PDB file of N, CA and C in Angstrom:
ATOM      1  N   MET A   1      96.752  17.204 122.736  1.00  0.00           N
ATOM      2  CA  MET A   1      95.498  17.067 121.863  1.00  0.00           C
ATOM      3  C   MET A   1      95.111  18.281 121.455  1.00  0.00           C
ATOM      4  N   GLU A   2      94.746  18.599 120.170  1.00  0.00           N
ATOM      5  CA  GLU A   2      94.506  19.810 119.685  1.00  0.00           C
ATOM      6  C   GLU A   2      93.096  20.362 119.944  1.00  0.00           C
ATOM      7  N   ASN A   3      92.393  21.441 119.986  1.00  0.00           N
ATOM      8  CA  ASN A   3      91.172  21.891 120.229  1.00  0.00           C
ATOM      9  C   ASN A   3      90.528  21.876 118.955  1.00  0.00           C
ATOM     10  N   ILE A   4      89.249  21.288 118.802  1.00  0.00           N
ATOM     11  CA  ILE A   4      88.531  21.046 117.835  1.00  0.00           C
ATOM     12  C   ILE A   4      87.407  22.191 117.749  1.00  0.00           C
ATOM     13  N   GLU A   5      87.208  22.830 116.660  1.00  0.00           N
ATOM     14  CA  GLU A   5      86.026  23.669 116.540  1.00  0.00           C
ATOM     15  C   GLU A   5      85.043  23.218 116.323  1.00  0.00           C
ATOM     16  N   VAL A   6      83.835  23.268 116.916  1.00  0.00           N
ATOM     17  CA  VAL A   6      82.598  22.775 116.425  1.00  0.00           C
ATOM     18  C   VAL A   6      81.562  23.914 116.422  1.00  0.00           C
ATOM     19  N   ARG A   7      80.587  23.426 115.369  1.00  0.00           N
ATOM     20  CA  ARG A   7      79.420  24.264 115.056  1.00  0.00           C
ATOM     21  C   ARG A   7      78.576  24.798 116.264  1.00  0.00           C
ATOM     22  N   ALA A   8      77.854  25.739 116.345  1.00  0.00           N
ATOM     23  CA  ALA A   8      76.821  26.074 117.212  1.00  0.00           C
ATOM     24  C   ALA A   8      75.719  24.701 117.219  1.00  0.00           C
ATOM     25  N   ASP A   9      75.437  24.224 118.394  1.00  0.00           N
ATOM     26  CA  ASP A   9      74.629  23.035 118.546  1.00  0.00           C
ATOM     27  C   ASP A   9      73.371  23.414 119.271  1.00  0.00           C
ATOM     28  N   ASN A  10      72.648  22.137 119.406  1.00  0.00           N
ATOM     29  CA  ASN A  10      71.318  22.136 120.347  1.00  0.00           C
ATOM     30  C   ASN A  10      71.735  20.874 121.027  1.00  0.00           C
ATOM     31  N   CYS A  11      72.842  20.628 121.695  1.00  0.00           N
ATOM     32  CA  CYS A  11      73.188  19.611 122.472  1.00  0.00           C
ATOM     33  C   CYS A  11      73.136  19.847 123.842  1.00  0.00           C
ATOM     34  N   PRO A  12      72.073  19.318 124.423  1.00  0.00           N
ATOM     35  CA  PRO A  12      72.014  19.416 125.839  1.00  0.00           C
ATOM     36  C   PRO A  12      72.935  18.969 127.003  1.00  0.00           C
ATOM     37  N   ALA A  13      73.246  19.522 127.855  1.00  0.00           N
ATOM     38  CA  ALA A  13      74.324  18.999 128.872  1.00  0.00           C
ATOM     39  C   ALA A  13      73.384  18.471 130.136  1.00  0.00           C
ATOM     40  N   ALA A  14      74.097  17.469 130.718  1.00  0.00           N
ATOM     41  CA  ALA A  14      73.509  17.016 131.886  1.00  0.00           C
ATOM     42  C   ALA A  14      73.839  17.846 133.032  1.00  0.00           C
ATOM     43  N   VAL A  15      72.818  17.986 133.863  1.00  0.00           N
ATOM     44  CA  VAL A  15      72.990  18.869 135.001  1.00  0.00           C
ATOM     45  C   VAL A  15      74.124  18.172 136.054  1.00  0.00           C
ATOM     46  N   PRO A  16      74.916  18.962 136.669  1.00  0.00           N
ATOM     47  CA  PRO A  16      76.077  18.354 137.527  1.00  0.00           C
ATOM     48  C   PRO A  16      75.891  17.279 138.120  1.00  0.00           C
ATOM     49  N   PRO A  17      74.934  16.902 138.864  1.00  0.00           N
ATOM     50  CA  PRO A  17      74.838  15.519 139.537  1.00  0.00           C
ATOM     51  C   PRO A  17      74.583  14.429 138.734  1.00  0.00           C
ATOM     52  N   GLN A  18      74.151  14.682 137.318  1.00  0.00           N
ATOM     53  CA  GLN A  18      73.980  13.572 136.444  1.00  0.00           C
ATOM     54  C   GLN A  18      75.083  13.461 135.509  1.00  0.00           C
ATOM     55  N   VAL A  19      76.054  14.257 135.586  1.00  0.00           N
ATOM     56  CA  VAL A  19      77.412  14.210 134.543  1.00  0.00           C
ATOM     57  C   VAL A  19      77.962  12.719 134.927  1.00  0.00           C
ATOM     58  N   THR A  20      78.232  12.187 133.646  1.00  0.00           N
ATOM     59  CA  THR A  20      78.938  10.769 133.729  1.00  0.00           C
ATOM     60  C   THR A  20      79.830  10.888 132.568  1.00  0.00           C
ATOM     61  N   VAL A  21      80.762  10.117 132.519  1.00  0.00           N
ATOM     62  CA  VAL A  21      81.559   9.762 131.348  1.00  0.00           C
ATOM     63  C   VAL A  21      80.863   9.624 130.058  1.00  0.00           C
ATOM     64  N   TYR A  22      79.503   8.939 130.302  1.00  0.00           N
ATOM     65  CA  TYR A  22      78.574   8.798 129.172  1.00  0.00           C
ATOM     66  C   TYR A  22      78.049  10.096 128.560  1.00  0.00           C
ATOM     67  N   THR A  23      77.605  10.967 129.594  1.00  0.00           N
ATOM     68  CA  THR A  23      77.042  12.235 129.139  1.00  0.00           C
ATOM     69  C   THR A  23      78.205  13.008 128.483  1.00  0.00           C
ATOM     70  N   ARG A  24      79.143  13.181 128.883  1.00  0.00           N
ATOM     71  CA  ARG A  24      80.196  13.971 128.457  1.00  0.00           C
ATOM     72  C   ARG A  24      80.635  13.567 127.089  1.00  0.00           C
ATOM     73  N   VAL A  25      80.914  12.259 126.998  1.00  0.00           N
ATOM     74  CA  VAL A  25      81.251  11.883 125.593  1.00  0.00           C
ATOM     75  C   VAL A  25      80.108  11.934 124.477  1.00  0.00           C
ATOM     76  N   LEU A  26      78.893  11.577 124.923  1.00  0.00           N
ATOM     77  CA  LEU A  26      77.848  11.958 124.162  1.00  0.00           C
ATOM     78  C   LEU A  26      77.533  13.457 123.730  1.00  0.00           C
ATOM     79  N   HIS A  27      77.651  14.218 124.636  1.00  0.00           N
ATOM     80  CA  HIS A  27      77.645  15.694 124.486  1.00  0.00           C
ATOM     81  C   HIS A  27      78.670  16.288 123.341  1.00  0.00           C
ATOM     82  N   ARG A  28      79.891  15.664 123.631  1.00  0.00           N
ATOM     83  CA  ARG A  28      81.147  15.996 122.712  1.00  0.00           C
ATOM     84  C   ARG A  28      80.575  15.488 120.961  1.00  0.00           C
ATOM     85  N   ALA A  29      80.331  14.355 121.124  1.00  0.00           N
ATOM     86  CA  ALA A  29      79.937  13.794 119.914  1.00  0.00           C
ATOM     87  C   ALA A  29      78.711  14.424 119.169  1.00  0.00           C
ATOM     88  N   CYS A  30      77.745  14.895 120.010  1.00  0.00           N
ATOM     89  CA  CYS A  30      76.841  15.703 119.524  1.00  0.00           C
ATOM     90  C   CYS A  30      77.244  16.973 118.911  1.00  0.00           C
ATOM     91  N   GLN A  31      78.164  17.574 119.457  1.00  0.00           N
ATOM     92  CA  GLN A  31      78.673  18.968 119.198  1.00  0.00           C
ATOM     93  C   GLN A  31      79.428  18.517 117.559  1.00  0.00           C
ATOM     94  N   ILE A  32      79.993  17.568 117.736  1.00  0.00           N
ATOM     95  CA  ILE A  32      80.972  17.219 116.612  1.00  0.00           C
ATOM     96  C   ILE A  32      80.060  16.994 115.521  1.00  0.00           C
ATOM     97  N   ALA A  33      79.003  16.206 115.672  1.00  0.00           N
ATOM     98  CA  ALA A  33      77.717  15.818 114.613  1.00  0.00           C
ATOM     99  C   ALA A  33      77.147  16.901 114.076  1.00  0.00           C
ATOM    100  N   GLY A  34      77.064  18.128 114.995  1.00  0.00           N
ATOM    101  CA  GLY A  34      76.236  19.233 114.590  1.00  0.00           C
ATOM    102  C   GLY A  34      74.794  19.258 115.222  1.00  0.00           C
ATOM    103  N   GLY A  35      74.524  18.419 116.117  1.00  0.00           N
ATOM    104  CA  GLY A  35      73.448  18.513 116.903  1.00  0.00           C
ATOM    105  C   GLY A  35      72.733  17.013 117.110  1.00  0.00           C
ATOM    106  N   VAL A  36      71.584  17.059 117.872  1.00  0.00           N
ATOM    107  CA  VAL A  36      70.982  15.793 118.351  1.00  0.00           C
ATOM    108  C   VAL A  36      70.503  14.965 117.112  1.00  0.00           C
ATOM    109  N   GLU A  37      69.867  15.699 116.161  1.00  0.00           N
ATOM    110  CA  GLU A  37      69.294  15.024 115.176  1.00  0.00           C
ATOM    111  C   GLU A  37      70.429  14.195 114.345  1.00  0.00           C
ATOM    112  N   PRO A  38      71.437  14.962 113.686  1.00  0.00           N
ATOM    113  CA  PRO A  38      72.496  14.309 113.321  1.00  0.00           C
ATOM    114  C   PRO A  38      73.089  13.092 113.923  1.00  0.00           C
ATOM    115  N   LEU A  39      73.325  13.397 115.212  1.00  0.00           N
ATOM    116  CA  LEU A  39      74.028  12.306 115.962  1.00  0.00           C
ATOM    117  C   LEU A  39      73.183  11.235 116.269  1.00  0.00           C
ATOM    118  N   ALA A  40      71.931  11.336 116.426  1.00  0.00           N
ATOM    119  CA  ALA A  40      70.850  10.236 116.596  1.00  0.00           C
ATOM    120  C   ALA A  40      70.774   9.448 115.266  1.00  0.00           C
ATOM    121  N   ALA A  41      71.083  10.074 113.914  1.00  0.00           N
ATOM    122  CA  ALA A  41      71.056   9.450 112.701  1.00  0.00           C
ATOM    123  C   ALA A  41      72.409   8.658 112.699  1.00  0.00           C
ATOM    124  N   ARG A  42      73.322   9.228 113.106  1.00  0.00           N
ATOM    125  CA  ARG A  42      74.788   8.398 113.039  1.00  0.00           C
ATOM    126  C   ARG A  42      74.851   7.365 113.925  1.00  0.00           C
ATOM    127  N   LEU A  43      74.167   7.391 115.090  1.00  0.00           N
ATOM    128  CA  LEU A  43      73.998   6.350 115.921  1.00  0.00           C
ATOM    129  C   LEU A  43      73.115   5.359 115.834  1.00  0.00           C
ATOM    130  N   ARG A  44      72.118   6.041 114.961  1.00  0.00           N
ATOM    131  CA  ARG A  44      70.877   4.993 114.553  1.00  0.00           C
ATOM    132  C   ARG A  44      70.042   4.675 115.964  1.00  0.00           C
ATOM    133  N   VAL A  45      69.571   5.968 116.636  1.00  0.00           N
ATOM    134  CA  VAL A  45      69.011   5.770 117.718  1.00  0.00           C
ATOM    135  C   VAL A  45      67.923   6.796 117.449  1.00  0.00           C
ATOM    136  N   PRO A  46      66.589   6.371 118.211  1.00  0.00           N
ATOM    137  CA  PRO A  46      65.624   7.593 118.234  1.00  0.00           C
ATOM    138  C   PRO A  46      66.103   9.012 119.016  1.00  0.00           C
ATOM    139  N   ILE A  47      65.631   9.870 118.440  1.00  0.00           N
ATOM    140  CA  ILE A  47      65.942  11.248 119.078  1.00  0.00           C
ATOM    141  C   ILE A  47      65.559  11.476 120.634  1.00  0.00           C
ATOM    142  N   ALA A  48      64.533  10.899 120.914  1.00  0.00           N
ATOM    143  CA  ALA A  48      64.185  10.944 122.329  1.00  0.00           C
ATOM    144  C   ALA A  48      64.936  10.100 123.086  1.00  0.00           C
ATOM    145  N   THR A  49      65.284   9.047 122.674  1.00  0.00           N
ATOM    146  CA  THR A  49      66.343   8.077 123.485  1.00  0.00           C
ATOM    147  C   THR A  49      67.702   8.948 123.683  1.00  0.00           C
ATOM    148  N   LEU A  50      68.059   9.374 122.600  1.00  0.00           N
ATOM    149  CA  LEU A  50      69.282  10.252 122.682  1.00  0.00           C
ATOM    150  C   LEU A  50      69.185  11.267 123.788  1.00  0.00           C
ATOM    151  N   TYR A  51      68.179  12.112 123.754  1.00  0.00           N
ATOM    152  CA  TYR A  51      68.106  13.263 124.760  1.00  0.00           C
ATOM    153  C   TYR A  51      68.073  12.636 125.918  1.00  0.00           C
ATOM    154  N   ARG A  52      67.558  11.607 126.332  1.00  0.00           N
ATOM    155  CA  ARG A  52      67.684  10.784 127.777  1.00  0.00           C
ATOM    156  C   ARG A  52      68.869  10.472 128.041  1.00  0.00           C
ATOM    157  N   TRP A  53      69.729  10.109 127.222  1.00  0.00           N
ATOM    158  CA  TRP A  53      71.139   9.598 127.479  1.00  0.00           C
ATOM    159  C   TRP A  53      71.905  11.066 127.777  1.00  0.00           C
ATOM    160  N   LEU A  54      71.822  11.978 126.922  1.00  0.00           N
ATOM    161  CA  LEU A  54      72.575  13.283 126.940  1.00  0.00           C
ATOM    162  C   LEU A  54      72.289  13.906 128.296  1.00  0.00           C
ATOM    163  N   GLU A  55      71.069  13.886 128.651  1.00  0.00           N
ATOM    164  CA  GLU A  55      70.544  14.526 130.147  1.00  0.00           C
ATOM    165  C   GLU A  55      70.813  13.674 131.252  1.00  0.00           C
ATOM    166  N   GLY A  56      71.543  12.394 131.017  1.00  0.00           N
ATOM    167  CA  GLY A  56      71.820  11.640 132.140  1.00  0.00           C
ATOM    168  C   GLY A  56      70.596  10.787 132.729  1.00  0.00           C
ATOM    169  N   GLU A  57      69.536  10.773 132.262  1.00  0.00           N
ATOM    170  CA  GLU A  57      68.520  10.009 132.756  1.00  0.00           C
ATOM    171  C   GLU A  57      68.717   8.327 132.557  1.00  0.00           C
ATOM    172  N   ASN A  58      69.366   8.022 131.428  1.00  0.00           N
ATOM    173  CA  ASN A  58      69.823   6.452 131.461  1.00  0.00           C
ATOM    174  C   ASN A  58      71.114   6.496 130.812  1.00  0.00           C
ATOM    175  N   ASP A  59      71.840   5.419 130.858  1.00  0.00           N
ATOM    176  CA  ASP A  59      72.909   5.407 130.094  1.00  0.00           C
ATOM    177  C   ASP A  59      72.862   4.394 128.748  1.00  0.00           C
ATOM    178  N   PRO A  60      73.578   4.759 127.692  1.00  0.00           N
ATOM    179  CA  PRO A  60      73.476   4.213 126.468  1.00  0.00           C
ATOM    180  C   PRO A  60      74.071   2.806 126.492  1.00  0.00           C
ATOM    181  N   PRO A  61      73.700   2.012 125.619  1.00  0.00           N
ATOM    182  CA  PRO A  61      74.298   0.456 125.629  1.00  0.00           C
ATOM    183  C   PRO A  61      75.590   0.749 125.361  1.00  0.00           C
ATOM    184  N   VAL A  62      76.464  -0.201 125.419  1.00  0.00           N
ATOM    185  CA  VAL A  62      77.919  -0.148 125.358  1.00  0.00           C
ATOM    186  C   VAL A  62      78.232   0.167 124.023  1.00  0.00           C
ATOM    187  N   SER A  63      77.472  -0.555 122.838  1.00  0.00           N
ATOM    188  CA  SER A  63      77.682  -0.278 121.591  1.00  0.00           C
ATOM    189  C   SER A  63      77.670   0.863 120.947  1.00  0.00           C
ATOM    190  N   VAL A  64      76.520   1.470 121.511  1.00  0.00           N
ATOM    191  CA  VAL A  64      76.058   2.974 121.101  1.00  0.00           C
ATOM    192  C   VAL A  64      77.382   3.999 121.842  1.00  0.00           C
ATOM    193  N   PHE A  65      77.607   3.877 123.111  1.00  0.00           N
ATOM    194  CA  PHE A  65      78.568   4.591 123.622  1.00  0.00           C
ATOM    195  C   PHE A  65      80.051   4.441 122.875  1.00  0.00           C
ATOM    196  N   LEU A  66      80.336   3.217 122.538  1.00  0.00           N
ATOM    197  CA  LEU A  66      81.676   3.103 121.753  1.00  0.00           C
ATOM    198  C   LEU A  66      81.547   3.698 120.436  1.00  0.00           C
ATOM    199  N   LYS A  67      80.334   3.803 119.638  1.00  0.00           N
ATOM    200  CA  LYS A  67      80.084   4.615 118.512  1.00  0.00           C
ATOM    201  C   LYS A  67      80.520   6.002 118.788  1.00  0.00           C
ATOM    202  N   ALA A  68      80.001   6.481 119.810  1.00  0.00           N
ATOM    203  CA  ALA A  68      80.225   7.995 120.177  1.00  0.00           C
ATOM    204  C   ALA A  68      81.662   8.363 120.492  1.00  0.00           C
ATOM    205  N   VAL A  69      82.269   7.280 121.214  1.00  0.00           N
ATOM    206  CA  VAL A  69      83.645   7.369 121.372  1.00  0.00           C
ATOM    207  C   VAL A  69      84.487   7.548 119.960  1.00  0.00           C
ATOM    208  N   ASP A  70      83.898   6.517 119.197  1.00  0.00           N
ATOM    209  CA  ASP A  70      84.749   6.959 117.870  1.00  0.00           C
ATOM    210  C   ASP A  70      84.722   8.117 117.201  1.00  0.00           C
ATOM    211  N   ILE A  71      83.458   8.655 117.227  1.00  0.00           N
ATOM    212  CA  ILE A  71      83.180   9.895 116.566  1.00  0.00           C
ATOM    213  C   ILE A  71      84.279  10.959 117.390  1.00  0.00           C
ATOM    214  N   VAL A  72      84.093  11.033 118.624  1.00  0.00           N
ATOM    215  CA  VAL A  72      85.041  11.772 119.214  1.00  0.00           C
ATOM    216  C   VAL A  72      86.624  11.654 118.903  1.00  0.00           C
ATOM    217  N   LEU A  73      86.828  10.675 118.894  1.00  0.00           N
ATOM    218  CA  LEU A  73      88.440  10.077 118.690  1.00  0.00           C
ATOM    219  C   LEU A  73      88.716  10.581 117.278  1.00  0.00           C
ATOM    220  N   ILE A  74      87.829  10.125 116.156  1.00  0.00           N
ATOM    221  CA  ILE A  74      88.141  10.434 114.783  1.00  0.00           C
ATOM    222  C   ILE A  74      88.220  11.942 114.567  1.00  0.00           C
ATOM    223  N   ALA A  75      87.470  12.696 115.164  1.00  0.00           N
ATOM    224  CA  ALA A  75      87.577  14.311 115.156  1.00  0.00           C
ATOM    225  C   ALA A  75      88.844  14.915 115.893  1.00  0.00           C
ATOM    226  N   ALA A  76      89.254  14.057 116.675  1.00  0.00           N
ATOM    227  CA  ALA A  76      90.549  14.728 117.630  1.00  0.00           C
ATOM    228  C   ALA A  76      91.891  14.196 116.705  1.00  0.00           C
ATOM    229  N   ARG A  77      91.839  13.368 115.877  1.00  0.00           N
ATOM    230  CA  ARG A  77      93.069  13.029 115.137  1.00  0.00           C
ATOM    231  C   ARG A  77      93.710  14.258 114.364  1.00  0.00           C
ATOM    232  N   PRO A  78      94.974  14.298 114.395  1.00  0.00           N
ATOM    233  CA  PRO A  78      95.462  15.491 113.759  1.00  0.00           C
ATOM    234  C   PRO A  78      95.278  15.220 112.195  1.00  0.00           C
ATOM    235  N   LYS A  79      95.058  16.466 111.635  1.00  0.00           N
ATOM    236  CA  LYS A  79      94.918  16.490 110.310  1.00  0.00           C
ATOM    237  C   LYS A  79      96.472  16.361 109.585  1.00  0.00           C
ATOM    238  N   LYS A  80      96.413  15.432 108.703  1.00  0.00           N
ATOM    239  CA  LYS A  80      97.563  15.237 107.754  1.00  0.00           C
ATOM    240  C   LYS A  80      97.805  16.520 106.968  1.00  0.00           C
ATOM    241  N   ALA A  81      98.905  16.803 106.789  1.00  0.00           N
ATOM    242  CA  ALA A  81      99.494  17.992 105.858  1.00  0.00           C
ATOM    243  C   ALA A  81      99.406  17.423 104.439  1.00  0.00           C
ATOM    244  N   PRO A  82      98.958  18.407 103.412  1.00  0.00           N
ATOM    245  CA  PRO A  82      98.924  17.981 102.123  1.00  0.00           C
ATOM    246  C   PRO A  82     100.403  17.459 101.531  1.00  0.00           C
ATOM    247  N   ASP A  83     100.511  16.535 100.678  1.00  0.00           N
ATOM    248  CA  ASP A  83     101.770  16.477 100.122  1.00  0.00           C
ATOM    249  C   ASP A  83     102.277  17.383  99.245  1.00  0.00           C
TER     250      ASP A  83
END
């Protein structure tokens, strides 16, 4: 899988005891989206709630988690070469 360059971000990472698959995927989706506010808008969730999920205080609903997985997977797709 290729390494995707991401912009500087304001995406908090969970502290090690609270790192889960949810926090890792949400953090990566946050980086790809360009920060917490753009990701919250894409996921259609309140910013404060997204912060809690990013920091590992709560797990997101499955439907929101799967949207974040889509963001990560779409960004990881190889780019097509122009014809």
